[in-house]
Amino acid sequence: MRNSVSNSNDGVWKVLKSHKPTDWDSIMHTSGYSNRSDLAEGFANHFKDKISGLHSTPNPSPIFEKLHPKFSGTPSWDIVPCTREDVARAIDKLKPSKSSGPDLISNRLIKELKFEAIDAITYTFNRSINEGIFPNIWKSSKVQPIYKKGGRNKISNYRPVCLFSNLGKLLEAVIQDQITPHIEKCLPDNIFGYRPNRGTQDAISYLLDKIHNYRADGFYVAAVAFDASSAFDIISHEVILKSLAICGSGNRFLKWSESFLKGCSNFVELDGVASKPWSLVTGSSQGRRLSPVYYNVGTMSPAILAKNSDFAGYADDEMNVVYAKSIEDCNKKIMLIVRDRIAWYKQMGLALNLAKTELIGFGFTPDCIVIDKLTIPPSQNITYLGVCIQSNLRWDSHINTLCNKLRSSANRIRVEGRHFGIMDRKKLILGWCLGQIYSNGLIFLSSATQSELNSIQTAMNSGVRAIFSLPRYGHVEVSALRSKLLLPSIQTIRSRIMALEAWKRFSSQVDSQAAIGPITRGRKNKNIPLPDQKGHRGKMFNNMLVKAWNTLPLEIKNQEGKAGAKREIKKMYAV
């Protein structure tokens, strides 16, 4: 019985994670390669040439001259030898399903041999820390081409995924635990990528709150989105090391980081056939634990030194909010921002993809951006971090796209899940449909109209119909079926998301505030004074979250951990 259940579950998750296997023979035939080895070399040359074509010599000195005064009082810090407990915690966090690197040592093997190998691993890690040397054997990565978009038989439509040694990444995790508190003190609040307790929702809500606030104050507001090409791969090692130094890093970590960054290499592997390795002279490849940390530190200057705009960065995606009292001044500021960013990318040795630069105005239409014979017209909507932001600040376009995805998922369940039982199809719904709603759900659900929420609910109901193999159309008491499966409605999902986000944002803030004045009913219940709700300020996420926080019972507000708060909120909004 246990085996049958396990096999059923395995089948469900295989469907959830399924993707079309790559037809290497078709690519060989189209690209003119005679065998798998030549195809691997073709991919290797493509990936190598792409990076070398983007790289340029940086000149970051003017930027660091401006940064140094900002960090004049930064306390120094450094890495220290790790303990068996540090290594054990890092091993416990490993995901067994992750692919292995060139050494073929899997995370599952490391976890299985945790107690037998922990002393040897700790000794090796401490030698690396004390000597400031990252082992060469861990600097080589196996590259697997992954289809991105376009024709599947073209090499140019594939992106590289680098697989490094899991033991090397374990050492990175131990180092990361040590340096994160120090790095966090240096990074500005408007950098959101790859940081604790921050995500895409925080970046987007920050931007939209700025837009609503400026519009409430009578400003003309626009936004310019920039995108860097292969930024992780071409950022200068010199820039990273200098940035670490001004953040207070000691010599031991600087020496270790230099060893970590330099002397790396990649090779492409296709079904066991490998290309020749090639050396990497810049960057820190995605797939390494410390690459996002190095990138955040190396590119933090615009977030600190930004003028004429409000900056928000998430990895290599950035948005600049521009505002002015007149349309003419706003257009001037837009051009200043564009020229400043182009100059910054050049000084840093990074490649700005001007073709992906986007411009949008809120409440007015800004002038086209004309740079290097390239004209960038204003758009009615732009997609930032997976969310469609419209010039009228509504969500109908994003929600229409979401509803289409939900219906597509329901149709997929009808086809790929037809041999599964009802409860297994429910897992598909949870994985495909609800996952898409919870992702960035705070952004569009918080201010969606009732009609937009009804549209999402209707699309979700198509999934419920698919679970029970009911016709796509016709009267059915879907709400009763949904309750039978304990699937939440869109209203319940919205309430849960808003409540949890309010708790995350305000629980520590309210607890840290000293009680001033008389103990009123509001203060006793840890309520926050309600901000201005008029006009655009009523649409600010922060203001909506204040309302959500004030409606929470005191026992939820008093929860000490996120897990407990999440559990109690789920009970509060039970199906």
Protein backbone atom coordinates (compact mmCIF):
# COMPACT_ATOMS: atom_id res chain seq x y z
CA MET A 1 0.00 0.00 0.00
CA ARG A 2 2.81 2.40 0.90
CA ASN A 3 4.54 1.72 -2.38
CA SER A 4 1.42 2.43 -4.42
CA VAL A 5 0.87 5.75 -2.68
CA SER A 6 4.52 6.67 -3.15
CA ASN A 7 4.39 5.77 -6.84
CA SER A 8 1.25 7.85 -7.29
CA ASN A 9 2.85 10.85 -5.62
CA ASP A 10 5.98 10.44 -7.71
CA GLY A 11 3.84 10.51 -10.84
CA VAL A 12 2.11 13.71 -9.76
CA TRP A 13 5.35 15.52 -9.05
CA LYS A 14 6.86 14.31 -12.29
CA VAL A 15 3.97 15.96 -14.10
CA LEU A 16 4.38 19.11 -12.02
CA LYS A 17 8.04 19.37 -12.92
CA SER A 18 7.82 17.99 -16.45
CA HIS A 19 9.46 19.73 -19.38
CA LYS A 20 10.07 18.76 -22.97
CA PRO A 21 13.42 16.93 -23.30
CA THR A 22 16.00 18.57 -25.53
CA ASP A 23 16.43 17.01 -28.98
CA TRP A 24 20.20 17.36 -29.44
CA ASP A 25 20.07 15.54 -32.80
CA SER A 26 17.71 18.17 -34.23
CA ILE A 27 20.03 20.97 -33.13
CA MET A 28 23.02 19.12 -34.66
CA HIS A 29 21.21 18.74 -37.97
CA THR A 30 20.07 22.38 -38.10
CA SER A 31 23.41 23.83 -37.01
CA GLY A 32 25.56 21.61 -39.23
CA TYR A 33 27.37 19.62 -36.52
CA SER A 34 28.24 16.00 -37.26
CA ASN A 35 28.41 14.61 -33.73
CA ARG A 36 27.62 15.34 -30.08
CA SER A 37 31.22 16.41 -29.32
CA ASP A 38 31.15 19.10 -32.02
CA LEU A 39 27.77 20.30 -30.76
CA ALA A 40 29.18 20.65 -27.23
CA GLU A 41 32.05 22.73 -28.65
CA GLY A 42 29.51 24.84 -30.56
CA PHE A 43 27.60 25.62 -27.37
CA ALA A 44 30.87 26.34 -25.57
CA ASN A 45 31.99 28.79 -28.27
CA HIS A 46 28.57 30.48 -28.26
CA PHE A 47 28.55 31.03 -24.49
CA LYS A 48 32.21 32.07 -24.45
CA ASP A 49 31.89 34.54 -27.36
CA LYS A 50 28.75 36.09 -25.88
CA ILE A 51 30.55 37.01 -22.66
CA SER A 52 33.77 38.18 -24.34
CA GLY A 53 31.75 40.40 -26.67
CA LEU A 54 30.12 42.19 -23.73
CA HIS A 55 33.19 42.69 -21.58
CA SER A 56 34.93 46.07 -21.49
CA THR A 57 37.67 47.55 -19.32
CA PRO A 58 36.15 49.26 -16.27
CA ASN A 59 37.16 52.62 -14.84
CA PRO A 60 35.43 52.65 -11.44
CA SER A 61 37.69 55.17 -9.69
CA PRO A 62 35.26 58.15 -10.02
CA ILE A 63 32.49 56.04 -8.50
CA PHE A 64 34.58 54.85 -5.56
CA GLU A 65 35.73 58.43 -4.86
CA LYS A 66 32.08 59.29 -4.25
CA LEU A 67 31.41 56.10 -2.25
CA HIS A 68 34.31 56.33 0.20
CA PRO A 69 32.85 59.22 2.28
CA LYS A 70 29.58 57.27 2.65
CA PHE A 71 31.44 54.41 4.37
CA SER A 72 33.99 56.38 6.38
CA GLY A 73 32.69 55.10 9.74
CA THR A 74 32.07 51.49 8.72
CA PRO A 75 33.49 49.04 11.30
CA SER A 76 35.92 46.41 10.02
CA TRP A 77 35.08 42.70 10.04
CA ASP A 78 36.51 39.44 8.74
CA ILE A 79 35.78 35.73 8.38
CA VAL A 80 36.90 33.26 11.05
CA PRO A 81 37.37 29.48 11.14
CA CYS A 82 34.11 27.55 11.22
CA THR A 83 32.94 24.94 13.74
CA ARG A 84 31.42 21.49 13.30
CA GLU A 85 28.08 23.04 14.26
CA ASP A 86 28.39 25.65 11.47
CA VAL A 87 29.01 22.92 8.91
CA ALA A 88 26.21 20.74 10.31
CA ARG A 89 23.68 23.58 9.99
CA ALA A 90 24.76 24.18 6.39
CA ILE A 91 24.46 20.46 5.58
CA ASP A 92 20.96 20.32 7.09
CA LYS A 93 19.84 23.09 4.70
CA LEU A 94 21.03 21.24 1.58
CA LYS A 95 18.39 20.19 -0.93
CA PRO A 96 18.91 16.54 -1.92
CA SER A 97 17.33 17.03 -5.35
CA LYS A 98 19.95 19.54 -6.56
CA SER A 99 22.17 18.35 -9.43
CA SER A 100 25.81 17.50 -8.78
CA GLY A 101 28.80 19.27 -10.27
CA PRO A 102 31.86 17.92 -12.10
CA ASP A 103 32.96 15.88 -9.05
CA LEU A 104 29.61 13.99 -9.09
CA ILE A 105 29.22 14.43 -5.31
CA SER A 106 25.51 14.90 -4.67
CA ASN A 107 23.83 16.74 -1.81
CA ARG A 108 22.07 13.51 -0.92
CA LEU A 109 25.45 11.79 -0.42
CA ILE A 110 26.74 14.67 1.75
CA LYS A 111 23.64 14.48 3.95
CA GLU A 112 23.85 10.68 4.22
CA LEU A 113 27.51 10.85 5.27
CA LYS A 114 27.07 13.91 7.49
CA PHE A 115 28.31 12.37 10.74
CA GLU A 116 31.08 10.28 9.15
CA ALA A 117 32.54 13.13 7.07
CA ILE A 118 31.84 16.27 9.10
CA ASP A 119 35.28 16.37 10.77
CA ALA A 120 37.09 16.04 7.43
CA ILE A 121 34.83 18.65 5.82
CA THR A 122 35.34 21.10 8.71
CA TYR A 123 39.13 20.61 8.55
CA THR A 124 39.15 21.25 4.78
CA PHE A 125 36.97 24.35 5.09
CA ASN A 126 39.17 25.83 7.84
CA ARG A 127 42.32 25.29 5.80
CA SER A 128 40.65 27.20 2.97
CA ILE A 129 39.64 30.04 5.33
CA ASN A 130 42.98 30.28 7.13
CA GLU A 131 45.11 30.11 3.98
CA GLY A 132 42.80 32.30 1.90
CA ILE A 133 42.63 29.72 -0.90
CA PHE A 134 39.54 28.37 -2.59
CA PRO A 135 40.45 24.89 -3.96
CA ASN A 136 40.94 24.79 -7.74
CA ILE A 137 38.95 21.58 -8.01
CA TRP A 138 35.85 23.53 -6.96
CA LYS A 139 36.38 26.34 -9.48
CA SER A 140 35.33 24.29 -12.50
CA SER A 141 31.66 24.20 -13.51
CA LYS A 142 29.70 21.92 -15.76
CA VAL A 143 27.46 23.95 -18.07
CA GLN A 144 24.15 22.57 -19.26
CA PRO A 145 22.32 24.44 -22.05
CA ILE A 146 18.71 25.13 -21.07
CA TYR A 147 16.09 26.21 -23.60
CA LYS A 148 14.94 29.80 -23.13
CA LYS A 149 12.64 30.85 -25.99
CA GLY A 150 12.37 30.80 -29.77
CA GLY A 151 13.18 27.84 -32.01
CA ARG A 152 14.43 24.83 -30.05
CA ASN A 153 16.87 23.84 -32.79
CA LYS A 154 18.99 27.02 -32.55
CA ILE A 155 21.97 27.27 -30.20
CA SER A 156 21.33 31.00 -29.65
CA ASN A 157 18.01 30.23 -27.96
CA TYR A 158 19.66 28.43 -25.05
CA ARG A 159 21.08 29.84 -21.83
CA PRO A 160 23.87 28.31 -19.75
CA VAL A 161 23.20 26.80 -16.33
CA CYS A 162 26.40 26.29 -14.35
CA LEU A 163 26.68 23.30 -12.01
CA PHE A 164 29.48 23.64 -9.45
CA SER A 165 30.74 21.23 -6.84
CA ASN A 166 28.25 20.79 -4.02
CA LEU A 167 31.09 20.65 -1.50
CA GLY A 168 32.36 24.00 -2.78
CA LYS A 169 28.86 25.47 -2.51
CA LEU A 170 28.66 24.10 1.04
CA LEU A 171 31.78 26.09 1.93
CA GLU A 172 30.19 29.14 0.29
CA ALA A 173 27.11 28.65 2.48
CA VAL A 174 29.26 28.57 5.63
CA ILE A 175 31.06 31.75 4.54
CA GLN A 176 27.77 33.41 3.61
CA ASP A 177 26.35 32.82 7.09
CA GLN A 178 29.33 34.70 8.52
CA ILE A 179 29.37 37.69 6.19
CA THR A 180 25.64 38.33 5.70
CA PRO A 181 25.15 40.42 8.90
CA HIS A 182 28.06 42.69 7.88
CA ILE A 183 27.02 43.00 4.23
CA GLU A 184 23.42 43.76 5.23
CA LYS A 185 24.58 46.78 7.24
CA CYS A 186 26.24 48.22 4.13
CA LEU A 187 23.60 47.57 1.49
CA PRO A 188 20.97 50.31 1.09
CA ASP A 189 17.28 49.53 1.61
CA ASN A 190 16.41 50.01 -2.08
CA ILE A 191 18.35 46.90 -3.16
CA PHE A 192 15.99 43.94 -2.89
CA GLY A 193 17.50 40.96 -4.70
CA TYR A 194 18.96 37.95 -2.88
CA ARG A 195 18.60 39.43 0.60
CA PRO A 196 17.02 38.02 3.78
CA ASN A 197 13.31 38.78 4.16
CA ARG A 198 13.17 40.64 0.84
CA GLY A 199 11.79 39.69 -2.53
CA THR A 200 10.20 40.85 -5.74
CA GLN A 201 7.02 41.91 -3.94
CA ASP A 202 9.01 44.28 -1.74
CA ALA A 203 10.73 45.85 -4.75
CA ILE A 204 7.50 46.39 -6.67
CA SER A 205 5.51 47.65 -3.67
CA TYR A 206 8.35 50.09 -2.87
CA LEU A 207 8.19 51.50 -6.40
CA LEU A 208 4.41 51.70 -6.57
CA ASP A 209 4.20 53.39 -3.18
CA LYS A 210 6.66 56.02 -4.45
CA ILE A 211 4.58 56.55 -7.59
CA HIS A 212 1.29 56.88 -5.69
CA ASN A 213 2.84 59.20 -3.11
CA TYR A 214 4.38 61.52 -5.70
CA ARG A 215 1.16 61.63 -7.70
CA ALA A 216 -0.75 62.49 -4.51
CA ASP A 217 1.63 65.44 -4.06
CA GLY A 218 0.83 66.71 -7.56
CA PHE A 219 4.00 65.57 -9.39
CA TYR A 220 4.27 64.26 -12.91
CA VAL A 221 5.73 60.78 -12.52
CA ALA A 222 7.53 58.47 -14.92
CA ALA A 223 9.70 55.36 -14.60
CA VAL A 224 12.64 54.06 -16.61
CA ALA A 225 13.59 50.37 -16.46
CA PHE A 226 17.13 49.23 -17.31
CA ASP A 227 18.47 45.75 -17.91
CA ALA A 228 22.08 44.57 -17.88
CA SER A 229 23.32 41.87 -20.26
CA SER A 230 24.93 38.87 -18.48
CA ALA A 231 25.85 41.16 -15.58
CA PHE A 232 26.86 38.35 -13.20
CA ASP A 233 29.32 37.03 -15.78
CA ILE A 234 31.08 40.27 -16.69
CA ILE A 235 31.27 42.29 -13.48
CA SER A 236 34.91 43.11 -12.78
CA HIS A 237 36.75 41.27 -10.00
CA GLU A 238 38.51 44.56 -9.20
CA VAL A 239 35.15 46.26 -8.65
CA ILE A 240 33.95 43.48 -6.33
CA LEU A 241 37.12 43.47 -4.21
CA LYS A 242 37.22 47.28 -3.91
CA SER A 243 33.55 47.30 -2.92
CA LEU A 244 34.18 44.69 -0.23
CA ALA A 245 37.08 46.76 1.09
CA ILE A 246 34.99 49.92 1.55
CA CYS A 247 32.33 47.78 3.27
CA GLY A 248 34.90 47.00 5.97
CA SER A 249 36.07 43.55 4.87
CA GLY A 250 39.35 42.38 6.42
CA ASN A 251 42.34 40.98 4.56
CA ARG A 252 41.47 37.34 5.18
CA PHE A 253 38.12 37.56 3.38
CA LEU A 254 39.56 39.77 0.63
CA LYS A 255 42.30 37.22 -0.02
CA TRP A 256 39.82 34.36 0.04
CA SER A 257 37.43 36.21 -2.29
CA GLU A 258 40.21 36.94 -4.77
CA SER A 259 41.07 33.24 -4.85
CA PHE A 260 37.38 32.36 -5.17
CA LEU A 261 36.81 34.69 -8.13
CA LYS A 262 39.97 34.09 -10.16
CA GLY A 263 41.06 30.99 -12.05
CA CYS A 264 37.55 29.65 -12.74
CA SER A 265 36.58 27.69 -15.84
CA ASN A 266 33.52 26.22 -17.56
CA PHE A 267 32.88 23.32 -19.89
CA VAL A 268 29.70 22.21 -21.65
CA GLU A 269 28.41 18.68 -21.17
CA LEU A 270 25.72 17.05 -23.32
CA ASP A 271 24.67 13.56 -22.22
CA GLY A 272 28.16 12.73 -20.95
CA VAL A 273 30.03 14.35 -23.87
CA ALA A 274 32.12 17.34 -22.72
CA SER A 275 33.65 20.29 -24.53
CA LYS A 276 37.07 21.76 -23.90
CA PRO A 277 37.12 24.04 -20.82
CA TRP A 278 37.50 27.78 -21.17
CA SER A 279 38.78 30.27 -18.58
CA LEU A 280 36.66 32.97 -16.97
CA VAL A 281 38.41 36.31 -16.46
CA THR A 282 35.42 38.27 -15.15
CA GLY A 283 32.31 37.79 -13.09
CA SER A 284 31.05 35.17 -10.72
CA SER A 285 28.71 32.73 -12.44
CA GLN A 286 25.11 32.29 -11.40
CA GLY A 287 24.81 28.98 -9.61
CA ARG A 288 27.40 29.87 -6.97
CA ARG A 289 26.07 30.78 -3.53
CA LEU A 290 28.17 33.91 -3.16
CA SER A 291 27.65 35.32 -6.67
CA PRO A 292 24.53 37.35 -5.70
CA VAL A 293 26.34 38.73 -2.64
CA TYR A 294 29.32 39.85 -4.72
CA TYR A 295 27.02 41.34 -7.35
CA ASN A 296 24.95 43.29 -4.81
CA VAL A 297 28.07 44.74 -3.21
CA GLY A 298 29.75 45.51 -6.53
CA THR A 299 26.71 47.32 -7.97
CA MET A 300 25.35 49.10 -4.89
CA SER A 301 26.65 52.55 -5.90
CA PRO A 302 23.59 53.77 -7.92
CA ALA A 303 21.29 52.88 -5.02
CA ILE A 304 23.45 55.02 -2.71
CA LEU A 305 24.38 57.86 -5.07
CA ALA A 306 21.13 58.14 -7.07
CA LYS A 307 20.13 61.68 -8.03
CA ASN A 308 17.06 62.92 -9.85
CA SER A 309 15.18 59.65 -9.20
CA ASP A 310 14.18 56.96 -6.71
CA PHE A 311 16.17 53.82 -7.47
CA ALA A 312 15.08 50.21 -6.89
CA GLY A 313 17.31 47.30 -7.87
CA TYR A 314 16.70 43.57 -7.98
CA ALA A 315 19.84 41.77 -9.24
CA ASP A 316 20.41 43.04 -12.80
CA ASP A 317 16.91 44.55 -13.14
CA GLU A 318 16.53 48.14 -12.03
CA MET A 319 13.82 50.77 -12.07
CA ASN A 320 14.17 54.52 -11.66
CA VAL A 321 11.14 56.63 -10.65
CA VAL A 322 11.37 60.20 -11.94
CA TYR A 323 9.10 63.02 -10.76
CA ALA A 324 8.76 66.77 -11.36
CA LYS A 325 6.24 69.57 -11.09
CA SER A 326 6.07 70.05 -14.87
CA ILE A 327 6.13 67.74 -17.89
CA GLU A 328 9.13 69.59 -19.30
CA ASP A 329 11.18 69.12 -16.12
CA CYS A 330 10.16 65.48 -15.94
CA ASN A 331 11.38 64.86 -19.50
CA LYS A 332 14.68 66.57 -18.67
CA LYS A 333 15.15 64.37 -15.61
CA ILE A 334 14.44 61.26 -17.68
CA MET A 335 17.25 62.14 -20.09
CA LEU A 336 19.60 62.92 -17.19
CA ILE A 337 18.89 59.52 -15.65
CA VAL A 338 19.47 57.71 -18.93
CA ARG A 339 22.82 59.47 -19.54
CA ASP A 340 23.91 58.87 -15.92
CA ARG A 341 23.10 55.18 -16.15
CA ILE A 342 24.88 54.77 -19.49
CA ALA A 343 27.98 56.43 -18.00
CA TRP A 344 27.79 54.25 -14.89
CA TYR A 345 27.57 51.02 -16.88
CA LYS A 346 30.58 52.08 -18.94
CA GLN A 347 32.63 52.97 -15.86
CA MET A 348 31.76 49.61 -14.24
CA GLY A 349 32.61 47.63 -17.38
CA LEU A 350 29.03 46.32 -17.60
CA ALA A 351 26.86 46.09 -20.70
CA LEU A 352 23.59 48.01 -20.69
CA ASN A 353 21.01 46.45 -22.99
CA LEU A 354 19.46 49.63 -24.40
CA ALA A 355 17.09 47.58 -26.55
CA LYS A 356 15.43 46.36 -23.33
CA THR A 357 15.23 49.83 -21.76
CA GLU A 358 11.61 50.75 -21.12
CA LEU A 359 9.86 54.04 -20.38
CA ILE A 360 6.41 54.60 -18.91
CA GLY A 361 4.54 57.68 -17.74
CA PHE A 362 1.81 57.73 -15.11
CA GLY A 363 -0.96 60.19 -15.91
CA PHE A 364 0.91 61.69 -18.88
CA THR A 365 2.90 60.59 -21.94
CA PRO A 366 6.62 61.43 -21.69
CA ASP A 367 8.81 62.21 -24.70
CA CYS A 368 10.66 59.42 -26.48
CA ILE A 369 14.20 58.68 -25.32
CA VAL A 370 16.69 59.11 -28.18
CA ILE A 371 20.15 57.64 -27.45
CA ASP A 372 22.79 56.55 -29.98
CA LYS A 373 20.31 56.57 -32.88
CA LEU A 374 18.01 54.35 -30.81
CA THR A 375 14.51 55.63 -30.07
CA ILE A 376 12.72 54.33 -27.01
CA PRO A 377 9.03 55.30 -27.08
CA PRO A 378 6.91 55.37 -23.91
CA SER A 379 4.83 52.25 -23.23
CA GLN A 380 1.34 51.87 -21.85
CA ASN A 381 2.54 48.99 -19.70
CA ILE A 382 5.87 47.43 -18.77
CA THR A 383 6.70 44.15 -17.10
CA TYR A 384 8.97 44.43 -14.08
CA LEU A 385 9.92 41.31 -12.10
CA GLY A 386 7.06 39.37 -13.63
CA VAL A 387 4.37 41.95 -12.89
CA CYS A 388 2.69 44.06 -15.57
CA ILE A 389 2.61 47.71 -14.44
CA GLN A 390 0.17 49.88 -16.41
CA SER A 391 0.31 53.61 -16.99
CA ASN A 392 -3.15 53.97 -15.38
CA LEU A 393 -1.92 51.92 -12.35
CA ARG A 394 -4.67 49.34 -12.78
CA TRP A 395 -4.25 45.57 -12.87
CA ASP A 396 -6.60 44.42 -15.65
CA SER A 397 -3.76 43.52 -18.06
CA HIS A 398 -1.81 41.53 -15.45
CA ILE A 399 -4.96 39.81 -14.20
CA ASN A 400 -6.06 38.90 -17.73
CA THR A 401 -2.67 37.24 -18.28
CA LEU A 402 -2.99 35.45 -14.95
CA CYS A 403 -6.47 34.18 -15.79
CA ASN A 404 -5.24 32.81 -19.11
CA LYS A 405 -2.47 30.95 -17.29
CA LEU A 406 -4.96 29.51 -14.79
CA ARG A 407 -7.23 28.25 -17.56
CA SER A 408 -4.23 26.81 -19.39
CA SER A 409 -3.21 24.99 -16.21
CA ALA A 410 -6.74 23.60 -15.86
CA ASN A 411 -6.61 22.29 -19.42
CA ARG A 412 -3.24 20.74 -18.72
CA ILE A 413 -4.67 18.95 -15.69
CA ARG A 414 -7.44 17.52 -17.87
CA VAL A 415 -4.84 16.05 -20.22
CA GLU A 416 -1.79 15.16 -18.11
CA GLY A 417 -3.68 14.38 -14.91
CA ARG A 418 -6.48 12.32 -16.41
CA HIS A 419 -5.04 9.08 -14.99
CA PHE A 420 -4.72 10.51 -11.48
CA GLY A 421 -7.23 10.47 -8.68
CA ILE A 422 -9.04 13.52 -7.35
CA MET A 423 -6.56 14.23 -4.53
CA ASP A 424 -3.60 13.91 -6.89
CA ARG A 425 -5.22 16.38 -9.28
CA LYS A 426 -5.61 18.69 -6.29
CA LYS A 427 -1.82 18.63 -5.92
CA LEU A 428 -1.56 19.78 -9.53
CA ILE A 429 -3.92 22.65 -8.76
CA LEU A 430 -1.86 23.63 -5.73
CA GLY A 431 1.35 23.47 -7.75
CA TRP A 432 0.21 25.22 -10.91
CA CYS A 433 -2.73 27.47 -10.13
CA LEU A 434 -2.37 28.65 -6.55
CA GLY A 435 1.40 28.99 -6.99
CA GLN A 436 0.83 31.56 -9.73
CA ILE A 437 -1.55 33.52 -7.52
CA TYR A 438 0.63 33.53 -4.42
CA SER A 439 3.61 34.67 -6.50
CA ASN A 440 3.52 38.49 -6.28
CA GLY A 441 -0.07 38.13 -5.04
CA LEU A 442 0.32 41.07 -2.68
CA ILE A 443 0.99 43.38 -5.60
CA PHE A 444 -2.19 42.91 -7.58
CA LEU A 445 -4.62 41.43 -5.04
CA SER A 446 -4.30 44.26 -2.53
CA SER A 447 -5.79 46.88 -4.86
CA ALA A 448 -7.71 44.74 -7.35
CA THR A 449 -11.36 45.66 -7.90
CA GLN A 450 -14.16 43.25 -7.02
CA SER A 451 -14.80 42.54 -10.69
CA GLU A 452 -11.12 41.67 -11.19
CA LEU A 453 -11.22 39.35 -8.16
CA ASN A 454 -14.33 37.70 -9.63
CA SER A 455 -12.45 37.12 -12.90
CA ILE A 456 -9.62 35.37 -11.04
CA GLN A 457 -12.13 33.27 -9.10
CA THR A 458 -13.85 32.18 -12.32
CA ALA A 459 -10.50 31.14 -13.78
CA MET A 460 -9.67 29.24 -10.56
CA ASN A 461 -13.02 27.46 -10.79
CA SER A 462 -11.96 25.99 -14.12
CA GLY A 463 -9.27 24.14 -12.19
CA VAL A 464 -11.83 22.80 -9.70
CA ARG A 465 -13.92 21.56 -12.62
CA ALA A 466 -10.83 19.83 -14.02
CA ILE A 467 -10.19 18.06 -10.71
CA PHE A 468 -13.66 16.46 -10.82
CA SER A 469 -13.58 15.97 -14.62
CA LEU A 470 -16.66 18.19 -14.98
CA PRO A 471 -17.60 20.01 -18.21
CA ARG A 472 -15.91 23.34 -18.79
CA TYR A 473 -19.28 25.10 -18.98
CA GLY A 474 -22.69 24.72 -17.36
CA HIS A 475 -24.04 25.31 -13.87
CA VAL A 476 -22.12 23.59 -11.11
CA GLU A 477 -21.92 24.46 -7.41
CA VAL A 478 -18.19 25.04 -7.62
CA SER A 479 -17.98 26.70 -4.19
CA ALA A 480 -19.24 23.50 -2.54
CA LEU A 481 -16.70 21.42 -4.45
CA ARG A 482 -13.95 23.87 -3.54
CA SER A 483 -14.90 23.64 0.15
CA LYS A 484 -14.90 19.84 -0.10
CA LEU A 485 -11.25 19.99 -1.23
CA LEU A 486 -10.39 22.72 1.33
CA LEU A 487 -9.25 24.99 -1.49
CA PRO A 488 -9.37 28.68 -0.49
CA SER A 489 -11.31 31.27 -2.48
CA ILE A 490 -9.53 34.25 -4.00
CA GLN A 491 -10.95 36.44 -1.20
CA THR A 492 -9.48 34.11 1.41
CA ILE A 493 -6.12 34.06 -0.37
CA ARG A 494 -6.14 37.86 -0.51
CA SER A 495 -6.91 38.14 3.22
CA ARG A 496 -4.17 35.64 4.13
CA ILE A 497 -1.55 37.38 1.99
CA MET A 498 -2.40 40.83 3.33
CA ALA A 499 -2.47 39.66 6.96
CA LEU A 500 0.85 37.82 6.77
CA GLU A 501 2.58 40.67 4.96
CA ALA A 502 1.22 43.13 7.54
CA TRP A 503 2.57 40.93 10.34
CA LYS A 504 6.00 40.69 8.65
CA ARG A 505 6.17 44.44 8.17
CA PHE A 506 4.84 45.75 11.49
CA SER A 507 5.23 43.12 14.24
CA SER A 508 8.82 43.94 15.18
CA GLN A 509 8.29 47.65 14.51
CA VAL A 510 5.35 47.93 16.93
CA ASP A 511 7.07 45.81 19.59
CA SER A 512 10.16 48.00 19.52
CA GLN A 513 8.22 51.23 20.06
CA ALA A 514 8.02 52.48 23.60
CA ALA A 515 4.57 53.17 24.95
CA ILE A 516 4.10 56.93 25.04
CA GLY A 517 1.08 58.62 26.52
CA PRO A 518 -2.06 57.04 27.96
CA ILE A 519 -2.85 53.39 27.31
CA THR A 520 -5.74 53.76 24.89
CA ARG A 521 -7.72 50.88 23.38
CA GLY A 522 -5.76 51.26 20.14
CA ARG A 523 -2.39 51.16 21.88
CA LYS A 524 -3.47 48.18 23.97
CA ASN A 525 -4.32 46.32 20.76
CA LYS A 526 -1.01 47.44 19.15
CA ASN A 527 -2.86 49.36 16.45
CA ILE A 528 -1.06 51.78 14.17
CA PRO A 529 -2.55 55.21 13.40
CA LEU A 530 -4.30 55.00 10.05
CA PRO A 531 -2.43 56.95 7.33
CA ASP A 532 -4.09 59.31 4.86
CA GLN A 533 -6.48 57.28 2.68
CA LYS A 534 -7.42 60.02 0.20
CA GLY A 535 -6.70 59.71 -3.53
CA HIS A 536 -3.50 57.97 -4.50
CA ARG A 537 -2.30 57.57 -0.92
CA GLY A 538 -5.21 55.23 -0.31
CA LYS A 539 -3.72 52.91 -2.95
CA MET A 540 -0.30 52.73 -1.32
CA PHE A 541 0.57 49.21 -0.19
CA ASN A 542 1.95 50.40 3.11
CA ASN A 543 -1.32 52.17 3.93
CA MET A 544 -3.36 49.09 2.98
CA LEU A 545 -1.15 46.94 5.18
CA VAL A 546 -1.76 49.27 8.13
CA LYS A 547 -5.49 48.61 7.76
CA ALA A 548 -4.82 44.86 7.54
CA TRP A 549 -2.60 44.99 10.64
CA ASN A 550 -5.20 46.82 12.72
CA THR A 551 -7.80 44.13 11.95
CA LEU A 552 -5.57 41.31 13.25
CA PRO A 553 -6.37 39.86 16.69
CA LEU A 554 -3.85 40.61 19.42
CA GLU A 555 -2.82 36.94 19.72
CA ILE A 556 -1.59 36.99 16.10
CA LYS A 557 0.20 40.32 16.58
CA ASN A 558 1.99 38.81 19.58
CA GLN A 559 3.33 35.80 17.65
CA GLU A 560 7.12 35.68 17.93
CA GLY A 561 7.91 33.79 14.74
CA LYS A 562 6.71 33.85 11.14
CA ALA A 563 5.71 30.17 11.23
CA GLY A 564 3.41 30.74 14.22
CA ALA A 565 1.88 33.86 12.69
CA LYS A 566 1.29 32.05 9.40
CA ARG A 567 -0.37 29.15 11.19
CA GLU A 568 -2.71 31.41 13.18
CA ILE A 569 -3.59 33.51 10.12
CA LYS A 570 -4.47 30.34 8.22
CA LYS A 571 -6.77 29.33 11.10
CA MET A 572 -8.31 32.80 11.10
CA TYR A 573 -9.12 32.59 7.41
CA ALA A 574 -9.92 28.89 7.29
CA VAL A 575 -11.81 27.48 4.35
